[in-house]
PDB file of N, CA and C in Angstrom:
ATOM      1  N   UNK A   1       0.863  -1.189  -0.016  1.00  0.00           N
ATOM      2  CA  UNK A   1       0.007   0.003   0.009  1.00  0.00           C
ATOM      3  C   UNK A   1       0.911   1.248  -0.004  1.00  0.00           C
ATOM      4  N   UNK A   2       1.655   1.487   0.980  1.00  0.00           N
ATOM      5  CA  UNK A   2       2.698   2.533   1.091  1.00  0.00           C
ATOM      6  C   UNK A   2       2.352   3.948   0.812  1.00  0.00           C
ATOM      7  N   UNK A   3       1.129   4.285   0.489  1.00  0.00           N
ATOM      8  CA  UNK A   3       0.726   5.704   0.382  1.00  0.00           C
ATOM      9  C   UNK A   3       0.054   6.061   1.699  1.00  0.00           C
ATOM     10  N   UNK A   4       0.862   6.553   2.626  1.00  0.00           N
ATOM     11  CA  UNK A   4       0.348   6.881   3.925  1.00  0.00           C
ATOM     12  C   UNK A   4      -0.634   8.049   3.841  1.00  0.00           C
ATOM     13  N   UNK A   5      -1.593   8.096   4.796  1.00  0.00           N
ATOM     14  CA  UNK A   5      -2.587   9.185   4.797  1.00  0.00           C
ATOM     15  C   UNK A   5      -2.078  10.444   5.402  1.00  0.00           C
ATOM     16  N   UNK A   6      -1.043  10.348   6.178  1.00  0.00           N
ATOM     17  CA  UNK A   6      -0.437  11.526   6.788  1.00  0.00           C
ATOM     18  C   UNK A   6       1.052  11.496   6.386  1.00  0.00           C
ATOM     19  N   UNK A   7       1.531  12.629   5.952  1.00  0.00           N
ATOM     20  CA  UNK A   7       2.966  12.688   5.557  1.00  0.00           C
ATOM     21  C   UNK A   7       3.800  12.125   6.686  1.00  0.00           C
ATOM     22  N   UNK A   8       4.647  11.156   6.398  1.00  0.00           N
ATOM     23  CA  UNK A   8       5.441  10.550   7.476  1.00  0.00           C
ATOM     24  C   UNK A   8       6.366  11.591   8.146  1.00  0.00           C
ATOM     25  N   UNK A   9       6.494  11.480   9.424  1.00  0.00           N
ATOM     26  CA  UNK A   9       7.413  12.279  10.183  1.00  0.00           C
ATOM     27  C   UNK A   9       8.715  11.483  10.254  1.00  0.00           C
ATOM     28  N   UNK A  10       9.765  11.997   9.656  1.00  0.00           N
ATOM     29  CA  UNK A  10      11.017  11.241   9.513  1.00  0.00           C
ATOM     30  C   UNK A  10      12.188  12.018  10.165  1.00  0.00           C
ATOM     31  N   UNK A  11      12.892  11.321  11.003  1.00  0.00           N
ATOM     32  CA  UNK A  11      14.194  11.748  11.512  1.00  0.00           C
ATOM     33  C   UNK A  11      15.241  10.792  10.925  1.00  0.00           C
ATOM     34  N   UNK A  12      15.845  11.133   9.799  1.00  0.00           N
ATOM     35  CA  UNK A  12      16.704  10.189   9.085  1.00  0.00           C
ATOM     36  C   UNK A  12      17.789   9.597  10.018  1.00  0.00           C
ATOM     37  N   UNK A  13      17.894   8.279   9.965  1.00  0.00           N
ATOM     38  CA  UNK A  13      18.869   7.595  10.783  1.00  0.00           C
ATOM     39  C   UNK A  13      18.423   7.339  12.183  1.00  0.00           C
ATOM     40  N   UNK A  14      17.196   7.782  12.566  1.00  0.00           N
ATOM     41  CA  UNK A  14      16.720   7.601  13.950  1.00  0.00           C
ATOM     42  C   UNK A  14      15.405   6.914  13.977  1.00  0.00           C
ATOM     43  N   UNK A  15      14.348   7.562  13.422  1.00  0.00           N
ATOM     44  CA  UNK A  15      13.002   7.026  13.531  1.00  0.00           C
ATOM     45  C   UNK A  15      12.078   7.626  12.489  1.00  0.00           C
ATOM     46  N   UNK A  16      10.886   7.040  12.332  1.00  0.00           N
ATOM     47  CA  UNK A  16       9.878   7.581  11.457  1.00  0.00           C
ATOM     48  C   UNK A  16       8.541   7.128  11.968  1.00  0.00           C
ATOM     49  N   UNK A  17       7.497   7.946  11.729  1.00  0.00           N
ATOM     50  CA  UNK A  17       6.128   7.587  12.090  1.00  0.00           C
ATOM     51  C   UNK A  17       5.218   7.965  10.944  1.00  0.00           C
ATOM     52  N   UNK A  18       4.143   7.223  10.797  1.00  0.00           N
ATOM     53  CA  UNK A  18       3.163   7.549   9.735  1.00  0.00           C
ATOM     54  C   UNK A  18       1.771   7.010  10.132  1.00  0.00           C
ATOM     55  N   UNK A  19       0.734   7.536   9.534  1.00  0.00           N
ATOM     56  CA  UNK A  19      -0.658   7.112   9.788  1.00  0.00           C
ATOM     57  C   UNK A  19      -1.284   6.557   8.514  1.00  0.00           C
ATOM     58  N   UNK A  20      -2.117   5.554   8.694  1.00  0.00           N
ATOM     59  CA  UNK A  20      -2.935   5.062   7.560  1.00  0.00           C
ATOM     60  C   UNK A  20      -4.347   4.894   8.093  1.00  0.00           C
ATOM     61  N   UNK A  21      -5.299   5.520   7.359  1.00  0.00           N
ATOM     62  CA  UNK A  21      -6.685   5.326   7.693  1.00  0.00           C
ATOM     63  C   UNK A  21      -7.206   4.194   6.812  1.00  0.00           C
ATOM     64  N   UNK A  22      -7.752   3.143   7.471  1.00  0.00           N
ATOM     65  CA  UNK A  22      -8.212   1.986   6.744  1.00  0.00           C
ATOM     66  C   UNK A  22      -9.678   2.206   6.429  1.00  0.00           C
ATOM     67  N   UNK A  23      -9.976   2.402   5.155  1.00  0.00           N
ATOM     68  CA  UNK A  23     -11.325   2.666   4.676  1.00  0.00           C
ATOM     69  C   UNK A  23     -12.014   1.414   4.138  1.00  0.00           C
ATOM     70  N   UNK A  24     -13.311   1.383   4.265  1.00  0.00           N
ATOM     71  CA  UNK A  24     -14.083   0.238   3.750  1.00  0.00           C
ATOM     72  C   UNK A  24     -14.065   0.135   2.239  1.00  0.00           C
ATOM     73  N   UNK A  25     -13.601   1.202   1.577  1.00  0.00           N
ATOM     74  CA  UNK A  25     -13.627   1.201   0.110  1.00  0.00           C
ATOM     75  C   UNK A  25     -12.375   0.527  -0.498  1.00  0.00           C
ATOM     76  N   UNK A  26     -11.431   0.069   0.300  1.00  0.00           N
ATOM     77  CA  UNK A  26     -10.244  -0.632  -0.258  1.00  0.00           C
ATOM     78  C   UNK A  26     -10.719  -1.901  -1.005  1.00  0.00           C
ATOM     79  N   UNK A  27     -10.175  -2.064  -2.195  1.00  0.00           N
ATOM     80  CA  UNK A  27     -10.609  -3.187  -3.045  1.00  0.00           C
ATOM     81  C   UNK A  27     -10.416  -4.549  -2.374  1.00  0.00           C
ATOM     82  N   UNK A  28      -9.390  -4.669  -1.542  1.00  0.00           N
ATOM     83  CA  UNK A  28      -9.041  -5.931  -0.913  1.00  0.00           C
ATOM     84  C   UNK A  28     -10.192  -6.472  -0.032  1.00  0.00           C
ATOM     85  N   UNK A  29     -11.021  -5.626   0.492  1.00  0.00           N
ATOM     86  CA  UNK A  29     -12.118  -6.035   1.390  1.00  0.00           C
ATOM     87  C   UNK A  29     -13.221  -6.795   0.638  1.00  0.00           C
ATOM     88  N   UNK A  30     -13.258  -6.675  -0.681  1.00  0.00           N
ATOM     89  CA  UNK A  30     -14.283  -7.422  -1.443  1.00  0.00           C
ATOM     90  C   UNK A  30     -14.089  -8.929  -1.315  1.00  0.00           C
ATOM     91  N   UNK A  31     -12.835  -9.333  -1.161  1.00  0.00           N
ATOM     92  CA  UNK A  31     -12.533 -10.756  -1.106  1.00  0.00           C
ATOM     93  C   UNK A  31     -11.905 -11.201   0.214  1.00  0.00           C
ATOM     94  N   UNK A  32     -11.490 -10.277   1.069  1.00  0.00           N
ATOM     95  CA  UNK A  32     -10.746 -10.613   2.264  1.00  0.00           C
ATOM     96  C   UNK A  32     -11.443 -10.105   3.502  1.00  0.00           C
ATOM     97  N   UNK A  33     -12.309 -10.455   4.037  1.00  0.00           N
ATOM     98  CA  UNK A  33     -13.384 -11.392   3.876  1.00  0.00           C
ATOM     99  C   UNK A  33     -14.651 -10.584   3.894  1.00  0.00           C
ATOM    100  N   UNK A  34     -15.536 -10.748   2.912  1.00  0.00           N
ATOM    101  CA  UNK A  34     -16.674  -9.804   2.758  1.00  0.00           C
ATOM    102  C   UNK A  34     -17.550  -9.648   4.009  1.00  0.00           C
ATOM    103  N   UNK A  35     -17.767 -10.666   4.757  1.00  0.00           N
ATOM    104  CA  UNK A  35     -18.649 -10.555   5.920  1.00  0.00           C
ATOM    105  C   UNK A  35     -17.891 -10.104   7.168  1.00  0.00           C
ATOM    106  N   UNK A  36     -16.598 -10.256   7.174  1.00  0.00           N
ATOM    107  CA  UNK A  36     -15.787  -9.805   8.287  1.00  0.00           C
ATOM    108  C   UNK A  36     -14.457  -9.305   7.690  1.00  0.00           C
ATOM    109  N   UNK A  37     -14.517  -8.060   7.130  1.00  0.00           N
ATOM    110  CA  UNK A  37     -13.312  -7.538   6.404  1.00  0.00           C
ATOM    111  C   UNK A  37     -12.094  -7.322   7.356  1.00  0.00           C
ATOM    112  N   UNK A  38     -10.979  -7.884   6.923  1.00  0.00           N
ATOM    113  CA  UNK A  38      -9.726  -7.797   7.670  1.00  0.00           C
ATOM    114  C   UNK A  38      -8.638  -7.361   6.691  1.00  0.00           C
ATOM    115  N   UNK A  39      -7.827  -6.406   7.086  1.00  0.00           N
ATOM    116  CA  UNK A  39      -6.706  -5.953   6.256  1.00  0.00           C
ATOM    117  C   UNK A  39      -5.674  -7.058   6.261  1.00  0.00           C
ATOM    118  N   UNK A  40      -5.243  -7.595   5.087  1.00  0.00           N
ATOM    119  CA  UNK A  40      -4.267  -8.654   5.047  1.00  0.00           C
ATOM    120  C   UNK A  40      -2.929  -8.239   5.752  1.00  0.00           C
ATOM    121  N   UNK A  41      -2.378  -9.157   6.480  1.00  0.00           N
ATOM    122  CA  UNK A  41      -1.125  -8.903   7.169  1.00  0.00           C
ATOM    123  C   UNK A  41       0.001  -8.507   6.255  1.00  0.00           C
ATOM    124  N   UNK A  42      -0.046  -9.032   5.053  1.00  0.00           N
ATOM    125  CA  UNK A  42       1.068  -8.709   4.118  1.00  0.00           C
ATOM    126  C   UNK A  42       1.061  -7.226   3.744  1.00  0.00           C
ATOM    127  N   UNK A  43      -0.136  -6.583   3.771  1.00  0.00           N
ATOM    128  CA  UNK A  43      -0.176  -5.141   3.491  1.00  0.00           C
ATOM    129  C   UNK A  43       0.311  -4.337   4.685  1.00  0.00           C
ATOM    130  N   UNK A  44       0.056  -4.848   5.909  1.00  0.00           N
ATOM    131  CA  UNK A  44       0.641  -4.147   7.070  1.00  0.00           C
ATOM    132  C   UNK A  44       2.159  -4.295   7.021  1.00  0.00           C
ATOM    133  N   UNK A  45       2.651  -5.499   6.689  1.00  0.00           N
ATOM    134  CA  UNK A  45       4.087  -5.735   6.623  1.00  0.00           C
ATOM    135  C   UNK A  45       4.740  -4.853   5.585  1.00  0.00           C
ATOM    136  N   UNK A  46       4.094  -4.694   4.417  1.00  0.00           N
ATOM    137  CA  UNK A  46       4.632  -3.805   3.380  1.00  0.00           C
ATOM    138  C   UNK A  46       4.784  -2.371   3.898  1.00  0.00           C
ATOM    139  N   UNK A  47       3.780  -1.877   4.590  1.00  0.00           N
ATOM    140  CA  UNK A  47       3.904  -0.539   5.159  1.00  0.00           C
ATOM    141  C   UNK A  47       5.001  -0.429   6.210  1.00  0.00           C
ATOM    142  N   UNK A  48       5.122  -1.507   7.044  1.00  0.00           N
ATOM    143  CA  UNK A  48       6.171  -1.442   8.068  1.00  0.00           C
ATOM    144  C   UNK A  48       7.578  -1.426   7.453  1.00  0.00           C
ATOM    145  N   UNK A  49       7.756  -2.208   6.382  1.00  0.00           N
ATOM    146  CA  UNK A  49       9.071  -2.261   5.729  1.00  0.00           C
ATOM    147  C   UNK A  49       9.360  -0.939   5.047  1.00  0.00           C
ATOM    148  N   UNK A  50       8.349  -0.347   4.363  1.00  0.00           N
ATOM    149  CA  UNK A  50       8.530   0.925   3.727  1.00  0.00           C
ATOM    150  C   UNK A  50       8.922   2.003   4.712  1.00  0.00           C
ATOM    151  N   UNK A  51       8.269   2.017   5.886  1.00  0.00           N
ATOM    152  CA  UNK A  51       8.603   3.019   6.897  1.00  0.00           C
ATOM    153  C   UNK A  51       9.999   2.812   7.432  1.00  0.00           C
ATOM    154  N   UNK A  52      10.428   1.596   7.599  1.00  0.00           N
ATOM    155  CA  UNK A  52      11.828   1.324   8.017  1.00  0.00           C
ATOM    156  C   UNK A  52      12.790   1.896   6.997  1.00  0.00           C
ATOM    157  N   UNK A  53      12.496   1.733   5.736  1.00  0.00           N
ATOM    158  CA  UNK A  53      13.367   2.268   4.693  1.00  0.00           C
ATOM    159  C   UNK A  53      13.421   3.807   4.769  1.00  0.00           C
ATOM    160  N   UNK A  54      12.268   4.410   5.074  1.00  0.00           N
ATOM    161  CA  UNK A  54      12.240   5.885   5.225  1.00  0.00           C
ATOM    162  C   UNK A  54      13.086   6.346   6.446  1.00  0.00           C
ATOM    163  N   UNK A  55      13.071   5.559   7.513  1.00  0.00           N
ATOM    164  CA  UNK A  55      13.774   5.932   8.734  1.00  0.00           C
ATOM    165  C   UNK A  55      15.300   5.755   8.534  1.00  0.00           C
ATOM    166  N   UNK A  56      15.694   4.916   7.652  1.00  0.00           N
ATOM    167  CA  UNK A  56      17.160   4.659   7.473  1.00  0.00           C
ATOM    168  C   UNK A  56      17.915   5.874   6.955  1.00  0.00           C
ATOM    169  N   UNK A  57      19.169   6.019   7.339  1.00  0.00           N
ATOM    170  CA  UNK A  57      19.970   7.173   6.865  1.00  0.00           C
ATOM    171  C   UNK A  57      20.019   7.214   5.327  1.00  0.00           C
ATOM    172  N   UNK A  58      19.786   8.391   4.795  1.00  0.00           N
ATOM    173  CA  UNK A  58      19.892   8.566   3.383  1.00  0.00           C
ATOM    174  C   UNK A  58      18.588   8.326   2.595  1.00  0.00           C
ATOM    175  N   UNK A  59      17.560   7.880   3.302  1.00  0.00           N
ATOM    176  CA  UNK A  59      16.266   7.728   2.627  1.00  0.00           C
ATOM    177  C   UNK A  59      16.015   6.356   2.038  1.00  0.00           C
ATOM    178  N   UNK A  60      14.772   6.140   1.632  1.00  0.00           N
ATOM    179  CA  UNK A  60      14.266   4.808   1.186  1.00  0.00           C
ATOM    180  C   UNK A  60      14.975   4.284  -0.063  1.00  0.00           C
ATOM    181  N   UNK A  61      15.320   5.143  -0.971  1.00  0.00           N
ATOM    182  CA  UNK A  61      15.847   4.640  -2.262  1.00  0.00           C
ATOM    183  C   UNK A  61      17.266   4.102  -2.109  1.00  0.00           C
ATOM    184  N   UNK A  62      17.943   4.378  -1.015  1.00  0.00           N
ATOM    185  CA  UNK A  62      19.294   3.939  -0.770  1.00  0.00           C
ATOM    186  C   UNK A  62      19.369   2.488  -0.279  1.00  0.00           C
ATOM    187  N   UNK A  63      18.194   1.958   0.201  1.00  0.00           N
ATOM    188  CA  UNK A  63      18.187   0.656   0.859  1.00  0.00           C
ATOM    189  C   UNK A  63      17.232  -0.325   0.214  1.00  0.00           C
ATOM    190  N   UNK A  64      17.579  -1.625   0.321  1.00  0.00           N
ATOM    191  CA  UNK A  64      16.713  -2.713  -0.092  1.00  0.00           C
ATOM    192  C   UNK A  64      16.484  -3.570   1.131  1.00  0.00           C
ATOM    193  N   UNK A  65      15.423  -4.346   1.111  1.00  0.00           N
ATOM    194  CA  UNK A  65      15.137  -5.251   2.221  1.00  0.00           C
ATOM    195  C   UNK A  65      16.034  -6.462   2.140  1.00  0.00           C
ATOM    196  N   UNK A  66      16.737  -6.768   3.222  1.00  0.00           N
ATOM    197  CA  UNK A  66      17.576  -7.981   3.264  1.00  0.00           C
ATOM    198  C   UNK A  66      16.803  -9.124   3.943  1.00  0.00           C
ATOM    199  N   UNK A  67      16.151  -8.813   5.075  1.00  0.00           N
ATOM    200  CA  UNK A  67      15.271  -9.795   5.729  1.00  0.00           C
ATOM    201  C   UNK A  67      14.431  -9.139   6.790  1.00  0.00           C
ATOM    202  N   UNK A  68      13.396  -9.830   7.137  1.00  0.00           N
ATOM    203  CA  UNK A  68      12.470  -9.356   8.214  1.00  0.00           C
ATOM    204  C   UNK A  68      12.282 -10.536   9.143  1.00  0.00           C
ATOM    205  N   UNK A  69      12.488 -10.300  10.445  1.00  0.00           N
ATOM    206  CA  UNK A  69      12.342 -11.408  11.394  1.00  0.00           C
ATOM    207  C   UNK A  69      11.526 -11.035  12.594  1.00  0.00           C
ATOM    208  N   UNK A  70      11.037 -12.095  13.253  1.00  0.00           N
ATOM    209  CA  UNK A  70      10.212 -11.966  14.456  1.00  0.00           C
ATOM    210  C   UNK A  70       9.001 -11.054  14.199  1.00  0.00           C
ATOM    211  N   UNK A  71       8.242 -11.381  13.173  1.00  0.00           N
ATOM    212  CA  UNK A  71       7.014 -10.638  12.835  1.00  0.00           C
ATOM    213  C   UNK A  71       5.873 -11.262  13.585  1.00  0.00           C
ATOM    214  N   UNK A  72       5.049 -10.422  14.154  1.00  0.00           N
ATOM    215  CA  UNK A  72       3.850 -10.890  14.856  1.00  0.00           C
ATOM    216  C   UNK A  72       2.652 -10.072  14.436  1.00  0.00           C
ATOM    217  N   UNK A  73       1.559 -10.739  14.202  1.00  0.00           N
ATOM    218  CA  UNK A  73       0.238 -10.106  13.962  1.00  0.00           C
ATOM    219  C   UNK A  73      -0.616 -10.443  15.121  1.00  0.00           C
ATOM    220  N   UNK A  74      -0.994  -9.453  15.876  1.00  0.00           N
ATOM    221  CA  UNK A  74      -1.682  -9.676  17.173  1.00  0.00           C
ATOM    222  C   UNK A  74      -3.195  -9.452  17.135  1.00  0.00           C
ATOM    223  N   UNK A  75      -3.636  -8.492  16.316  1.00  0.00           N
ATOM    224  CA  UNK A  75      -5.066  -8.160  16.244  1.00  0.00           C
ATOM    225  C   UNK A  75      -5.453  -7.866  14.823  1.00  0.00           C
ATOM    226  N   UNK A  76      -6.714  -8.096  14.508  1.00  0.00           N
ATOM    227  CA  UNK A  76      -7.235  -7.775  13.161  1.00  0.00           C
ATOM    228  C   UNK A  76      -7.358  -6.281  13.002  1.00  0.00           C
ATOM    229  N   UNK A  77      -7.021  -5.824  11.795  1.00  0.00           N
ATOM    230  CA  UNK A  77      -7.206  -4.380  11.421  1.00  0.00           C
ATOM    231  C   UNK A  77      -8.363  -4.402  10.438  1.00  0.00           C
ATOM    232  N   UNK A  78      -9.393  -3.526  10.771  1.00  0.00           N
ATOM    233  CA  UNK A  78     -10.605  -3.542  10.027  1.00  0.00           C
ATOM    234  C   UNK A  78     -10.933  -2.121   9.539  1.00  0.00           C
ATOM    235  N   UNK A  79     -11.889  -2.027   8.582  1.00  0.00           N
ATOM    236  CA  UNK A  79     -12.312  -0.721   8.098  1.00  0.00           C
ATOM    237  C   UNK A  79     -12.705   0.192   9.275  1.00  0.00           C
ATOM    238  N   UNK A  80     -12.279   1.471   9.185  1.00  0.00           N
ATOM    239  CA  UNK A  80     -12.527   2.392  10.258  1.00  0.00           C
ATOM    240  C   UNK A  80     -11.353   2.599  11.213  1.00  0.00           C
ATOM    241  N   UNK A  81     -10.429   1.636  11.173  1.00  0.00           N
ATOM    242  CA  UNK A  81      -9.243   1.761  12.033  1.00  0.00           C
ATOM    243  C   UNK A  81      -8.230   2.756  11.467  1.00  0.00           C
ATOM    244  N   UNK A  82      -7.528   3.421  12.361  1.00  0.00           N
ATOM    245  CA  UNK A  82      -6.411   4.256  11.963  1.00  0.00           C
ATOM    246  C   UNK A  82      -5.133   3.613  12.562  1.00  0.00           C
ATOM    247  N   UNK A  83      -4.233   3.223  11.629  1.00  0.00           N
ATOM    248  CA  UNK A  83      -3.026   2.503  12.041  1.00  0.00           C
ATOM    249  C   UNK A  83      -1.871   3.513  12.130  1.00  0.00           C
ATOM    250  N   UNK A  84      -1.206   3.509  13.250  1.00  0.00           N
ATOM    251  CA  UNK A  84      -0.024   4.341  13.444  1.00  0.00           C
ATOM    252  C   UNK A  84       1.183   3.425  13.367  1.00  0.00           C
ATOM    253  N   UNK A  85       2.068   3.726  12.423  1.00  0.00           N
ATOM    254  CA  UNK A  85       3.308   2.923  12.206  1.00  0.00           C
ATOM    255  C   UNK A  85       4.438   3.714  12.836  1.00  0.00           C
ATOM    256  N   UNK A  86       5.305   2.995  13.512  1.00  0.00           N
ATOM    257  CA  UNK A  86       6.525   3.582  14.120  1.00  0.00           C
ATOM    258  C   UNK A  86       7.724   2.704  13.802  1.00  0.00           C
ATOM    259  N   UNK A  87       8.767   3.305  13.216  1.00  0.00           N
ATOM    260  CA  UNK A  87       9.984   2.566  12.942  1.00  0.00           C
ATOM    261  C   UNK A  87      11.131   3.250  13.680  1.00  0.00           C
ATOM    262  N   UNK A  88      11.944   2.445  14.318  1.00  0.00           N
ATOM    263  CA  UNK A  88      13.096   3.011  15.055  1.00  0.00           C
ATOM    264  C   UNK A  88      14.366   2.269  14.572  1.00  0.00           C
ATOM    265  N   UNK A  89      15.369   3.060  14.186  1.00  0.00           N
ATOM    266  CA  UNK A  89      16.649   2.471  13.782  1.00  0.00           C
ATOM    267  C   UNK A  89      17.375   2.022  15.077  1.00  0.00           C
ATOM    268  N   UNK A  90      17.737   0.741  15.132  1.00  0.00           N
ATOM    269  CA  UNK A  90      18.378   0.164  16.327  1.00  0.00           C
ATOM    270  C   UNK A  90      19.843  -0.086  16.056  1.00  0.00           C
ATOM    271  N   UNK A  91      20.254  -0.240  14.811  1.00  0.00           N
ATOM    272  CA  UNK A  91      21.672  -0.419  14.449  1.00  0.00           C
ATOM    273  C   UNK A  91      21.886   0.142  13.082  1.00  0.00           C
ATOM    274  N   UNK A  92      22.922   0.875  12.901  1.00  0.00           N
ATOM    275  CA  UNK A  92      23.204   1.488  11.593  1.00  0.00           C
ATOM    276  C   UNK A  92      24.692   1.417  11.286  1.00  0.00           C
ATOM    277  N   UNK A  93      24.965   0.768  10.153  1.00  0.00           N
ATOM    278  CA  UNK A  93      26.329   0.692   9.670  1.00  0.00           C
ATOM    279  C   UNK A  93      26.350   1.204   8.250  1.00  0.00           C
ATOM    280  N   UNK A  94      27.495   1.307   7.668  1.00  0.00           N
ATOM    281  CA  UNK A  94      27.643   1.830   6.309  1.00  0.00           C
ATOM    282  C   UNK A  94      26.864   1.025   5.259  1.00  0.00           C
ATOM    283  N   UNK A  95      26.832  -0.286   5.473  1.00  0.00           N
ATOM    284  CA  UNK A  95      26.201  -1.164   4.433  1.00  0.00           C
ATOM    285  C   UNK A  95      24.928  -1.816   4.908  1.00  0.00           C
ATOM    286  N   UNK A  96      24.544  -1.615   6.187  1.00  0.00           N
ATOM    287  CA  UNK A  96      23.413  -2.348   6.735  1.00  0.00           C
ATOM    288  C   UNK A  96      22.751  -1.519   7.826  1.00  0.00           C
ATOM    289  N   UNK A  97      21.392  -1.582   7.891  1.00  0.00           N
ATOM    290  CA  UNK A  97      20.618  -0.899   8.934  1.00  0.00           C
ATOM    291  C   UNK A  97      19.584  -1.905   9.435  1.00  0.00           C
ATOM    292  N   UNK A  98      19.387  -1.888  10.784  1.00  0.00           N
ATOM    293  CA  UNK A  98      18.308  -2.715  11.371  1.00  0.00           C
ATOM    294  C   UNK A  98      17.343  -1.798  12.079  1.00  0.00           C
ATOM    295  N   UNK A  99      16.066  -2.071  11.884  1.00  0.00           N
ATOM    296  CA  UNK A  99      14.989  -1.300  12.503  1.00  0.00           C
ATOM    297  C   UNK A  99      14.039  -2.193  13.254  1.00  0.00           C
ATOM    298  N   UNK A 100      13.351  -1.599  14.233  1.00  0.00           N
ATOM    299  CA  UNK A 100      12.243  -2.246  14.919  1.00  0.00           C
ATOM    300  C   UNK A 100      11.020  -1.437  14.490  1.00  0.00           C
ATOM    301  N   UNK A 101       9.945  -2.158  14.114  1.00  0.00           N
ATOM    302  CA  UNK A 101       8.764  -1.441  13.590  1.00  0.00           C
ATOM    303  C   UNK A 101       7.505  -2.005  14.291  1.00  0.00           C
ATOM    304  N   UNK A 102       6.594  -1.089  14.693  1.00  0.00           N
ATOM    305  CA  UNK A 102       5.323  -1.496  15.272  1.00  0.00           C
ATOM    306  C   UNK A 102       4.181  -0.783  14.537  1.00  0.00           C
ATOM    307  N   UNK A 103       3.038  -1.455  14.562  1.00  0.00           N
ATOM    308  CA  UNK A 103       1.818  -0.864  14.065  1.00  0.00           C
ATOM    309  C   UNK A 103       0.789  -0.955  15.209  1.00  0.00           C
ATOM    310  N   UNK A 104       0.153   0.185  15.506  1.00  0.00           N
ATOM    311  CA  UNK A 104      -0.788   0.241  16.598  1.00  0.00           C
ATOM    312  C   UNK A 104      -2.129   0.845  16.109  1.00  0.00           C
ATOM    313  N   UNK A 105      -3.200   0.428  16.761  1.00  0.00           N
ATOM    314  CA  UNK A 105      -4.524   0.977  16.571  1.00  0.00           C
ATOM    315  C   UNK A 105      -5.051   1.350  17.960  1.00  0.00           C
ATOM    316  N   UNK A 106      -5.399   2.588  18.148  1.00  0.00           N
ATOM    317  CA  UNK A 106      -5.882   3.035  19.466  1.00  0.00           C
ATOM    318  C   UNK A 106      -4.901   2.698  20.601  1.00  0.00           C
ATOM    319  N   UNK A 107      -3.591   2.801  20.307  1.00  0.00           N
ATOM    320  CA  UNK A 107      -2.586   2.526  21.322  1.00  0.00           C
ATOM    321  C   UNK A 107      -2.292   1.063  21.567  1.00  0.00           C
ATOM    322  N   UNK A 108      -3.038   0.173  20.879  1.00  0.00           N
ATOM    323  CA  UNK A 108      -2.800  -1.255  21.074  1.00  0.00           C
ATOM    324  C   UNK A 108      -1.974  -1.806  19.885  1.00  0.00           C
ATOM    325  N   UNK A 109      -0.966  -2.571  20.170  1.00  0.00           N
ATOM    326  CA  UNK A 109      -0.134  -3.119  19.068  1.00  0.00           C
ATOM    327  C   UNK A 109      -0.933  -4.156  18.285  1.00  0.00           C
ATOM    328  N   UNK A 110      -0.995  -3.956  16.953  1.00  0.00           N
ATOM    329  CA  UNK A 110      -1.693  -4.922  16.069  1.00  0.00           C
ATOM    330  C   UNK A 110      -0.710  -5.767  15.317  1.00  0.00           C
ATOM    331  N   UNK A 111       0.518  -5.247  15.097  1.00  0.00           N
ATOM    332  CA  UNK A 111       1.561  -5.976  14.374  1.00  0.00           C
ATOM    333  C   UNK A 111       2.874  -5.363  14.678  1.00  0.00           C
ATOM    334  N   UNK A 112       3.932  -6.138  14.452  1.00  0.00           N
ATOM    335  CA  UNK A 112       5.280  -5.639  14.658  1.00  0.00           C
ATOM    336  C   UNK A 112       6.317  -6.550  14.084  1.00  0.00           C
ATOM    337  N   UNK A 113       7.483  -5.989  13.805  1.00  0.00           N
ATOM    338  CA  UNK A 113       8.638  -6.733  13.342  1.00  0.00           C
ATOM    339  C   UNK A 113       9.799  -6.312  14.256  1.00  0.00           C
ATOM    340  N   UNK A 114      10.375  -7.247  14.979  1.00  0.00           N
ATOM    341  CA  UNK A 114      11.481  -6.918  15.867  1.00  0.00           C
ATOM    342  C   UNK A 114      12.701  -6.548  15.104  1.00  0.00           C
ATOM    343  N   UNK A 115      12.845  -7.010  13.870  1.00  0.00           N
ATOM    344  CA  UNK A 115      13.975  -6.624  13.054  1.00  0.00           C
ATOM    345  C   UNK A 115      13.649  -6.608  11.586  1.00  0.00           C
ATOM    346  N   UNK A 116      13.796  -5.442  11.032  1.00  0.00           N
ATOM    347  CA  UNK A 116      13.790  -5.286   9.565  1.00  0.00           C
ATOM    348  C   UNK A 116      15.219  -4.906   9.205  1.00  0.00           C
ATOM    349  N   UNK A 117      15.869  -5.819   8.529  1.00  0.00           N
ATOM    350  CA  UNK A 117      17.277  -5.599   8.162  1.00  0.00           C
ATOM    351  C   UNK A 117      17.318  -5.091   6.703  1.00  0.00           C
ATOM    352  N   UNK A 118      17.961  -3.927   6.532  1.00  0.00           N
ATOM    353  CA  UNK A 118      18.059  -3.293   5.234  1.00  0.00           C
ATOM    354  C   UNK A 118      19.567  -3.359   4.785  1.00  0.00           C
ATOM    355  N   UNK A 119      19.781  -3.578   3.499  1.00  0.00           N
ATOM    356  CA  UNK A 119      21.129  -3.545   2.951  1.00  0.00           C
ATOM    357  C   UNK A 119      21.198  -2.462   1.935  1.00  0.00           C
ATOM    358  N   UNK A 120      22.409  -1.853   1.827  1.00  0.00           N
ATOM    359  CA  UNK A 120      22.589  -0.770   0.906  1.00  0.00           C
ATOM    360  C   UNK A 120      22.403  -1.302  -0.576  1.00  0.00           C
ATOM    361  N   UNK A 121      21.706  -0.543  -1.365  1.00  0.00           N
ATOM    362  CA  UNK A 121      21.520  -0.922  -2.773  1.00  0.00           C
ATOM    363  C   UNK A 121      22.851  -0.771  -3.492  1.00  0.00           C
ATOM    364  N   UNK A 122      23.067  -1.688  -4.400  1.00  0.00           N
ATOM    365  CA  UNK A 122      24.306  -1.580  -5.253  1.00  0.00           C
ATOM    366  C   UNK A 122      24.036  -0.549  -6.338  1.00  0.00           C
ATOM    367  N   UNK A 123      24.984   0.303  -6.607  1.00  0.00           N
ATOM    368  CA  UNK A 123      24.789   1.310  -7.641  1.00  0.00           C
ATOM    369  C   UNK A 123      25.494   0.954  -8.890  1.00  0.00           C
TER     370      UNK A 123
END
C-alpha cells in the first residue's frame, strides 16, 4: 500500500512515524473477507518495511530489504481503524541498517517486526 494518509514524520537515521486510515472502500475487502473484512497482514508488513526504509539514513531509495524477522500479527485491522506505524533504527552501519517497527490501533499493538534488516543498494 505505502501511500500513507499523513505525511510521514522522519528523523533520518533515527525514527519515522506515519498514519494510515483503513477505509471500507479498499478493493481488498471485497474478497478478504466480505462478511468480516480484515486488512491482510502482508499489506501491514509492506507498510512497516517501507517506513523502516524511510527511517534509514539517506532515505528509502538507498536501501533494499535484506530480511524481516520476528514478525507478529496480534489483532485484526478492520475498516474504520487508523493505524499508526513507528519505525526505530536500532543499528546502523555503512552497508546495513536494522529497525524495529510497530503498528498500533488506538494505542494497542496490532503488528510488529522486531527486526527489519536493510542492505545498501548496489549502484
